[in-house]
Amino acid sequence: AMPVPPHSQDLSGRWTGAWGNTNTPHRGPLRAVLTQTEDGQYRAFFHAGWGRHEGGFRTRLTGYWTNGTYRFTSRKWVLGILITTEGTASPEAFSAEYHSRFDSGVFQLHPATATQPAPPAPAPAPAKK
């Protein structure tokens, strides 16, 4: 893939919001720090809470800009489980879906400097009968 020059709309900075599984009722707060790399892609550090637990992981977001939106994908092994993520980000909002062998769900974030409250985590998917 051809490297992408750094984009004039830089998503670097602190983000805050929530994550929620779509296949279980698990959900919680989510924070992230995005850093634009020399090739115009991003490094991301995500820190999530669930119940009394919390943890974080680093990953690379690889994507491209179109119509003011960064479309990205990511693949990261966390605790022996491959997590794939795809989503979109703009200076106002970060939205992604994640999938692993056990879980699927969504991340919803906004810049931490914004004054609006974090969006509520999504409702769980209805139980399959």
Protein backbone atom coordinates (compact mmCIF):
# COMPACT_ATOMS: atom_id res chain seq x y z
CA ALA A 1 0.00 0.00 0.00
CA MET A 2 1.17 3.50 -0.77
CA PRO A 3 1.96 5.65 2.28
CA VAL A 4 -0.53 8.42 2.95
CA PRO A 5 0.89 11.89 3.61
CA PRO A 6 -0.14 13.41 6.94
CA HIS A 7 -3.65 14.84 6.63
CA SER A 8 -4.50 18.42 7.50
CA GLN A 9 -7.21 17.15 9.87
CA ASP A 10 -5.15 15.53 12.62
CA LEU A 11 -7.06 13.21 14.98
CA SER A 12 -4.19 13.14 17.49
CA GLY A 13 -5.15 13.69 21.10
CA ARG A 14 -7.24 12.33 23.95
CA TRP A 15 -10.66 10.78 23.28
CA THR A 16 -13.31 9.59 25.71
CA GLY A 17 -16.53 7.59 25.50
CA ALA A 18 -17.76 4.04 25.95
CA TRP A 19 -17.54 0.53 24.60
CA GLY A 20 -20.24 -2.12 24.56
CA ASN A 21 -20.51 -5.69 23.39
CA THR A 22 -23.34 -6.46 21.00
CA ASN A 23 -23.38 -10.17 21.88
CA THR A 24 -23.30 -9.85 25.72
CA PRO A 25 -24.40 -7.15 28.19
CA HIS A 26 -20.75 -6.22 28.91
CA ARG A 27 -19.98 -2.50 28.53
CA GLY A 28 -18.00 0.25 30.16
CA PRO A 29 -16.04 3.47 29.87
CA LEU A 30 -13.38 3.85 27.19
CA ARG A 31 -10.54 6.31 26.77
CA ALA A 32 -8.07 6.57 23.91
CA VAL A 33 -5.00 8.51 22.86
CA LEU A 34 -4.43 8.79 19.10
CA THR A 35 -1.08 9.83 17.61
CA GLN A 36 -0.57 10.51 13.92
CA THR A 37 2.51 8.78 12.48
CA GLU A 38 4.88 10.10 9.80
CA ASP A 39 3.07 8.11 7.12
CA GLY A 40 -0.32 9.67 7.98
CA GLN A 41 -1.66 6.63 9.84
CA TYR A 42 -2.35 6.47 13.61
CA ARG A 43 -1.11 4.74 16.72
CA ALA A 44 -3.87 4.23 19.28
CA PHE A 45 -3.80 3.41 22.96
CA PHE A 46 -7.18 2.25 24.26
CA HIS A 47 -7.97 1.96 27.97
CA ALA A 48 -11.26 0.27 28.87
CA GLY A 49 -13.08 -0.42 32.10
CA TRP A 50 -15.50 -3.26 32.81
CA GLY A 51 -16.93 -3.74 36.29
CA ARG A 52 -14.02 -3.53 38.73
CA HIS A 53 -11.52 -4.41 36.00
CA GLU A 54 -9.63 -2.25 33.56
CA GLY A 55 -6.96 -2.68 30.97
CA GLY A 56 -5.40 -1.18 27.91
CA PHE A 57 -3.78 -2.07 24.63
CA ARG A 58 -1.91 -0.34 21.83
CA THR A 59 -2.64 -0.86 18.16
CA ARG A 60 -2.06 0.74 14.76
CA LEU A 61 -5.02 2.17 12.83
CA THR A 62 -4.40 1.82 9.09
CA GLY A 63 -6.68 3.70 6.73
CA TYR A 64 -7.37 6.58 4.40
CA TRP A 65 -9.23 9.91 4.36
CA THR A 66 -12.39 10.39 2.31
CA ASN A 67 -14.82 13.31 2.52
CA GLY A 68 -13.34 14.52 5.82
CA THR A 69 -13.55 11.08 7.45
CA TYR A 70 -10.71 8.67 8.25
CA ARG A 71 -11.76 5.06 7.46
CA PHE A 72 -9.54 2.56 9.27
CA THR A 73 -8.94 -1.05 10.19
CA SER A 74 -6.86 -2.65 12.92
CA ARG A 75 -5.76 -6.14 13.96
CA LYS A 76 -4.35 -6.77 17.44
CA TRP A 77 -3.69 -9.84 19.57
CA VAL A 78 -4.84 -9.16 23.17
CA LEU A 79 -4.41 -11.94 25.75
CA GLY A 80 -4.08 -14.50 22.95
CA ILE A 81 -7.26 -13.37 21.18
CA LEU A 82 -7.18 -11.64 17.79
CA ILE A 83 -9.32 -8.48 17.80
CA THR A 84 -10.17 -6.90 14.45
CA THR A 85 -11.58 -3.40 14.36
CA GLU A 86 -12.95 -1.24 11.58
CA GLY A 87 -14.46 2.18 11.79
CA THR A 88 -14.47 5.86 10.98
CA ALA A 89 -13.14 8.94 12.71
CA SER A 90 -13.51 12.65 12.17
CA PRO A 91 -12.37 15.55 14.37
CA GLU A 92 -15.76 15.30 16.16
CA ALA A 93 -16.36 11.56 16.56
CA PHE A 94 -14.72 8.11 16.55
CA SER A 95 -16.92 5.09 15.88
CA ALA A 96 -15.73 1.51 15.41
CA GLU A 97 -16.96 -2.08 15.44
CA TYR A 98 -14.76 -4.81 16.90
CA HIS A 99 -14.85 -8.58 16.52
CA SER A 100 -12.99 -11.46 18.14
CA ARG A 101 -13.52 -15.17 18.57
CA PHE A 102 -15.68 -14.47 21.63
CA ASP A 103 -17.03 -10.93 21.40
CA SER A 104 -18.27 -8.26 19.06
CA GLY A 105 -19.27 -4.70 19.80
CA VAL A 106 -18.71 -1.02 19.31
CA PHE A 107 -16.48 1.83 20.45
CA GLN A 108 -18.00 5.35 20.53
CA LEU A 109 -15.65 8.21 21.38
CA HIS A 110 -15.47 12.00 21.13
CA PRO A 111 -12.56 14.37 21.77
CA ALA A 112 -11.86 14.60 25.50
CA THR A 113 -11.80 18.40 25.25
CA ALA A 114 -15.43 18.44 24.12
CA THR A 115 -17.98 19.48 26.73
CA GLN A 116 -20.76 17.08 25.74
CA PRO A 117 -21.12 13.96 27.95
CA ALA A 118 -19.91 10.60 26.70
CA PRO A 119 -22.55 8.80 24.65
CA PRO A 120 -24.30 5.93 26.43
CA ALA A 121 -23.01 2.47 25.61
CA PRO A 122 -25.21 0.71 23.04
CA ALA A 123 -27.99 -1.60 24.16
CA PRO A 124 -27.11 -5.30 23.99
CA ALA A 125 -28.38 -7.30 21.05
CA PRO A 126 -31.60 -9.16 21.83
CA ALA A 127 -31.01 -12.72 23.00
CA LYS A 128 -31.32 -15.30 20.25
CA LYS A 129 -34.19 -17.69 20.84
